[in-house]
Amino acid sequence: MKKRFFLIPVMALLLMALAPQPQNPLLGIWELQLEGGSTGLLKQFNADGTTINIGLGDNGFGISLEGTYELRPSGRYVEKTVRSSFSEQDGTQKLVAYRLTGDSLLHLSYKVSGKPFTEEYKKLKLISGR
């Protein structure tokens, strides 16, 4: 009897560990699109829950936001800004609604100080090579 009692929790833990984990559709590097064109403004979502916004320029790049994100149900996530090029946003958080079109277009909508914003991003693909 004791062996069965021990085996049931062990089997349950094993099944939970082997069960497929939900895929995070935001993972990767996305480029902001304006009027369907590239901007050089990137948003990266990492598997560890961190996010960063990077702007590419002729002479280098700049980081405009560093923070974290937490997925929520129904196509939403909470973005917490740790550091921003807009200092008034440091330490703030916002609820962002997202919608994917296929696997390569990401639509975001959110509010900052009550003002609505929308953004559209295209997912960048890794170029293989050496």
C-alpha atoms as a PDB file:
ATOM      1  CA  MET A   1       0.000   0.000   0.000  1.00  0.00           C
ATOM      2  CA  LYS A   2       2.817   2.426   0.855  1.00  0.00           C
ATOM      3  CA  LYS A   3       4.458   1.795  -2.523  1.00  0.00           C
ATOM      4  CA  ARG A   4       1.258   2.730  -4.350  1.00  0.00           C
ATOM      5  CA  PHE A   5       0.879   5.894  -2.316  1.00  0.00           C
ATOM      6  CA  PHE A   6       4.430   6.884  -3.276  1.00  0.00           C
ATOM      7  CA  LEU A   7       4.025   5.968  -6.969  1.00  0.00           C
ATOM      8  CA  ILE A   8       0.913   8.080  -7.575  1.00  0.00           C
ATOM      9  CA  PRO A   9       2.550  11.464  -6.782  1.00  0.00           C
ATOM     10  CA  VAL A  10       5.735  10.449  -8.610  1.00  0.00           C
ATOM     11  CA  MET A  11       3.760   9.508 -11.725  1.00  0.00           C
ATOM     12  CA  ALA A  12       1.773  12.765 -11.538  1.00  0.00           C
ATOM     13  CA  LEU A  13       4.984  14.828 -11.340  1.00  0.00           C
ATOM     14  CA  LEU A  14       6.507  12.888 -14.219  1.00  0.00           C
ATOM     15  CA  LEU A  15       3.434  13.440 -16.399  1.00  0.00           C
ATOM     16  CA  MET A  16       3.419  17.171 -15.595  1.00  0.00           C
ATOM     17  CA  ALA A  17       7.100  17.440 -16.492  1.00  0.00           C
ATOM     18  CA  LEU A  18       6.601  15.632 -19.794  1.00  0.00           C
ATOM     19  CA  ALA A  19       3.413  17.479 -20.778  1.00  0.00           C
ATOM     20  CA  PRO A  20       3.924  20.022 -23.532  1.00  0.00           C
ATOM     21  CA  GLN A  21       4.247  23.536 -22.188  1.00  0.00           C
ATOM     22  CA  PRO A  22       2.161  26.294 -23.787  1.00  0.00           C
ATOM     23  CA  GLN A  23       4.068  28.059 -26.567  1.00  0.00           C
ATOM     24  CA  ASN A  24       4.859  31.737 -26.037  1.00  0.00           C
ATOM     25  CA  PRO A  25       3.838  33.406 -29.321  1.00  0.00           C
ATOM     26  CA  LEU A  26       5.736  36.606 -28.508  1.00  0.00           C
ATOM     27  CA  LEU A  27       9.235  35.094 -28.295  1.00  0.00           C
ATOM     28  CA  GLY A  28      11.706  36.565 -30.743  1.00  0.00           C
ATOM     29  CA  ILE A  29      12.699  39.862 -32.306  1.00  0.00           C
ATOM     30  CA  TRP A  30      10.051  42.045 -33.917  1.00  0.00           C
ATOM     31  CA  GLU A  31      10.506  45.191 -36.041  1.00  0.00           C
ATOM     32  CA  LEU A  32       8.068  48.098 -35.793  1.00  0.00           C
ATOM     33  CA  GLN A  33       6.330  48.791 -39.102  1.00  0.00           C
ATOM     34  CA  LEU A  34       5.158  52.207 -40.267  1.00  0.00           C
ATOM     35  CA  GLU A  35       2.969  52.249 -43.354  1.00  0.00           C
ATOM     36  CA  GLY A  36       4.117  48.689 -44.052  1.00  0.00           C
ATOM     37  CA  GLY A  37       7.807  49.600 -44.069  1.00  0.00           C
ATOM     38  CA  SER A  38      10.781  48.825 -41.852  1.00  0.00           C
ATOM     39  CA  THR A  39      11.799  51.340 -39.198  1.00  0.00           C
ATOM     40  CA  GLY A  40      14.908  49.909 -37.523  1.00  0.00           C
ATOM     41  CA  LEU A  41      13.008  49.932 -34.200  1.00  0.00           C
ATOM     42  CA  LEU A  42      13.092  46.475 -32.609  1.00  0.00           C
ATOM     43  CA  LYS A  43      11.225  44.833 -29.727  1.00  0.00           C
ATOM     44  CA  GLN A  44      12.652  41.625 -28.301  1.00  0.00           C
ATOM     45  CA  PHE A  45      10.723  39.207 -26.099  1.00  0.00           C
ATOM     46  CA  ASN A  46      12.922  36.687 -24.258  1.00  0.00           C
ATOM     47  CA  ALA A  47      11.932  33.321 -22.765  1.00  0.00           C
ATOM     48  CA  ASP A  48      12.954  34.509 -19.275  1.00  0.00           C
ATOM     49  CA  GLY A  49      10.215  37.182 -19.291  1.00  0.00           C
ATOM     50  CA  THR A  50      12.454  40.144 -20.132  1.00  0.00           C
ATOM     51  CA  THR A  51      11.866  42.535 -22.991  1.00  0.00           C
ATOM     52  CA  ILE A  52      13.924  45.272 -24.606  1.00  0.00           C
ATOM     53  CA  ASN A  53      13.280  47.916 -27.264  1.00  0.00           C
ATOM     54  CA  ILE A  54      16.249  48.813 -29.487  1.00  0.00           C
ATOM     55  CA  GLY A  55      16.583  51.530 -32.118  1.00  0.00           C
ATOM     56  CA  LEU A  56      19.116  50.994 -34.896  1.00  0.00           C
ATOM     57  CA  GLY A  57      20.878  53.994 -36.413  1.00  0.00           C
ATOM     58  CA  ASP A  58      23.617  54.691 -38.928  1.00  0.00           C
ATOM     59  CA  ASN A  59      26.264  54.856 -36.203  1.00  0.00           C
ATOM     60  CA  GLY A  60      25.031  52.220 -33.781  1.00  0.00           C
ATOM     61  CA  PHE A  61      21.987  51.521 -31.650  1.00  0.00           C
ATOM     62  CA  GLY A  62      20.127  52.826 -28.609  1.00  0.00           C
ATOM     63  CA  ILE A  63      18.049  51.073 -25.974  1.00  0.00           C
ATOM     64  CA  SER A  64      14.747  52.856 -25.395  1.00  0.00           C
ATOM     65  CA  LEU A  65      13.161  50.386 -22.961  1.00  0.00           C
ATOM     66  CA  GLU A  66      14.235  47.566 -20.662  1.00  0.00           C
ATOM     67  CA  GLY A  67      11.626  45.669 -18.723  1.00  0.00           C
ATOM     68  CA  THR A  68       9.711  42.497 -18.087  1.00  0.00           C
ATOM     69  CA  TYR A  69       6.490  41.040 -19.405  1.00  0.00           C
ATOM     70  CA  GLU A  70       4.017  38.503 -18.083  1.00  0.00           C
ATOM     71  CA  LEU A  71       1.535  36.771 -20.372  1.00  0.00           C
ATOM     72  CA  ARG A  72      -2.111  36.910 -19.352  1.00  0.00           C
ATOM     73  CA  PRO A  73      -5.114  35.075 -20.770  1.00  0.00           C
ATOM     74  CA  SER A  74      -7.075  36.363 -23.753  1.00  0.00           C
ATOM     75  CA  GLY A  75      -4.208  37.832 -25.767  1.00  0.00           C
ATOM     76  CA  ARG A  76      -2.821  40.246 -23.189  1.00  0.00           C
ATOM     77  CA  TYR A  77       0.396  40.801 -21.286  1.00  0.00           C
ATOM     78  CA  VAL A  78       1.579  43.144 -18.554  1.00  0.00           C
ATOM     79  CA  GLU A  79       4.733  45.066 -19.430  1.00  0.00           C
ATOM     80  CA  LYS A  80       6.730  46.489 -16.527  1.00  0.00           C
ATOM     81  CA  THR A  81       9.223  49.180 -17.475  1.00  0.00           C
ATOM     82  CA  VAL A  82      12.464  48.973 -15.513  1.00  0.00           C
ATOM     83  CA  ARG A  83      14.317  51.631 -17.495  1.00  0.00           C
ATOM     84  CA  SER A  84      13.150  53.860 -20.343  1.00  0.00           C
ATOM     85  CA  SER A  85      14.532  56.686 -22.448  1.00  0.00           C
ATOM     86  CA  PHE A  86      11.384  58.475 -21.200  1.00  0.00           C
ATOM     87  CA  SER A  87      12.271  58.701 -17.498  1.00  0.00           C
ATOM     88  CA  GLU A  88       8.649  59.291 -16.460  1.00  0.00           C
ATOM     89  CA  GLN A  89       7.931  55.706 -17.559  1.00  0.00           C
ATOM     90  CA  ASP A  90      10.581  54.144 -15.284  1.00  0.00           C
ATOM     91  CA  GLY A  91       8.887  51.814 -12.806  1.00  0.00           C
ATOM     92  CA  THR A  92       5.505  51.889 -14.578  1.00  0.00           C
ATOM     93  CA  GLN A  93       3.485  49.040 -15.973  1.00  0.00           C
ATOM     94  CA  LYS A  94       0.817  48.762 -18.647  1.00  0.00           C
ATOM     95  CA  LEU A  95      -1.625  46.159 -19.865  1.00  0.00           C
ATOM     96  CA  VAL A  96      -0.991  45.435 -23.544  1.00  0.00           C
ATOM     97  CA  ALA A  97      -3.456  43.649 -25.821  1.00  0.00           C
ATOM     98  CA  TYR A  98      -1.818  41.672 -28.616  1.00  0.00           C
ATOM     99  CA  ARG A  99      -3.100  39.953 -31.722  1.00  0.00           C
ATOM    100  CA  LEU A 100      -1.137  37.831 -34.155  1.00  0.00           C
ATOM    101  CA  THR A 101      -1.839  37.713 -37.865  1.00  0.00           C
ATOM    102  CA  GLY A 102      -0.298  34.465 -39.040  1.00  0.00           C
ATOM    103  CA  ASP A 103       3.037  33.880 -37.347  1.00  0.00           C
ATOM    104  CA  SER A 104       4.797  37.021 -38.527  1.00  0.00           C
ATOM    105  CA  LEU A 105       2.628  40.091 -37.743  1.00  0.00           C
ATOM    106  CA  LEU A 106       2.047  41.319 -34.200  1.00  0.00           C
ATOM    107  CA  HIS A 107      -0.507  44.027 -33.400  1.00  0.00           C
ATOM    108  CA  LEU A 108      -0.198  45.756 -29.998  1.00  0.00           C
ATOM    109  CA  SER A 109      -2.588  48.199 -28.347  1.00  0.00           C
ATOM    110  CA  TYR A 110      -2.223  49.881 -24.968  1.00  0.00           C
ATOM    111  CA  LYS A 111      -2.734  53.146 -23.116  1.00  0.00           C
ATOM    112  CA  VAL A 112      -0.214  55.517 -21.548  1.00  0.00           C
ATOM    113  CA  SER A 113      -1.721  58.164 -19.257  1.00  0.00           C
ATOM    114  CA  GLY A 114      -5.125  57.389 -20.775  1.00  0.00           C
ATOM    115  CA  LYS A 115      -3.952  57.976 -24.352  1.00  0.00           C
ATOM    116  CA  PRO A 116      -4.395  54.954 -26.680  1.00  0.00           C
ATOM    117  CA  PHE A 117      -1.514  53.670 -28.822  1.00  0.00           C
ATOM    118  CA  THR A 118      -1.337  50.956 -31.456  1.00  0.00           C
ATOM    119  CA  GLU A 119       1.746  49.412 -33.011  1.00  0.00           C
ATOM    120  CA  GLU A 120       2.344  46.794 -35.675  1.00  0.00           C
ATOM    121  CA  TYR A 121       5.465  44.620 -35.743  1.00  0.00           C
ATOM    122  CA  LYS A 122       6.879  42.134 -38.222  1.00  0.00           C
ATOM    123  CA  LYS A 123       8.783  39.135 -36.846  1.00  0.00           C
ATOM    124  CA  LEU A 124      12.393  38.960 -37.953  1.00  0.00           C
ATOM    125  CA  LYS A 125      13.764  35.631 -39.088  1.00  0.00           C
ATOM    126  CA  LEU A 126      17.203  34.365 -38.168  1.00  0.00           C
ATOM    127  CA  ILE A 127      19.490  34.349 -41.172  1.00  0.00           C
ATOM    128  CA  SER A 128      21.595  31.226 -41.136  1.00  0.00           C
ATOM    129  CA  GLY A 129      25.208  31.490 -42.077  1.00  0.00           C
ATOM    130  CA  ARG A 130      28.622  31.923 -40.616  1.00  0.00           C
END
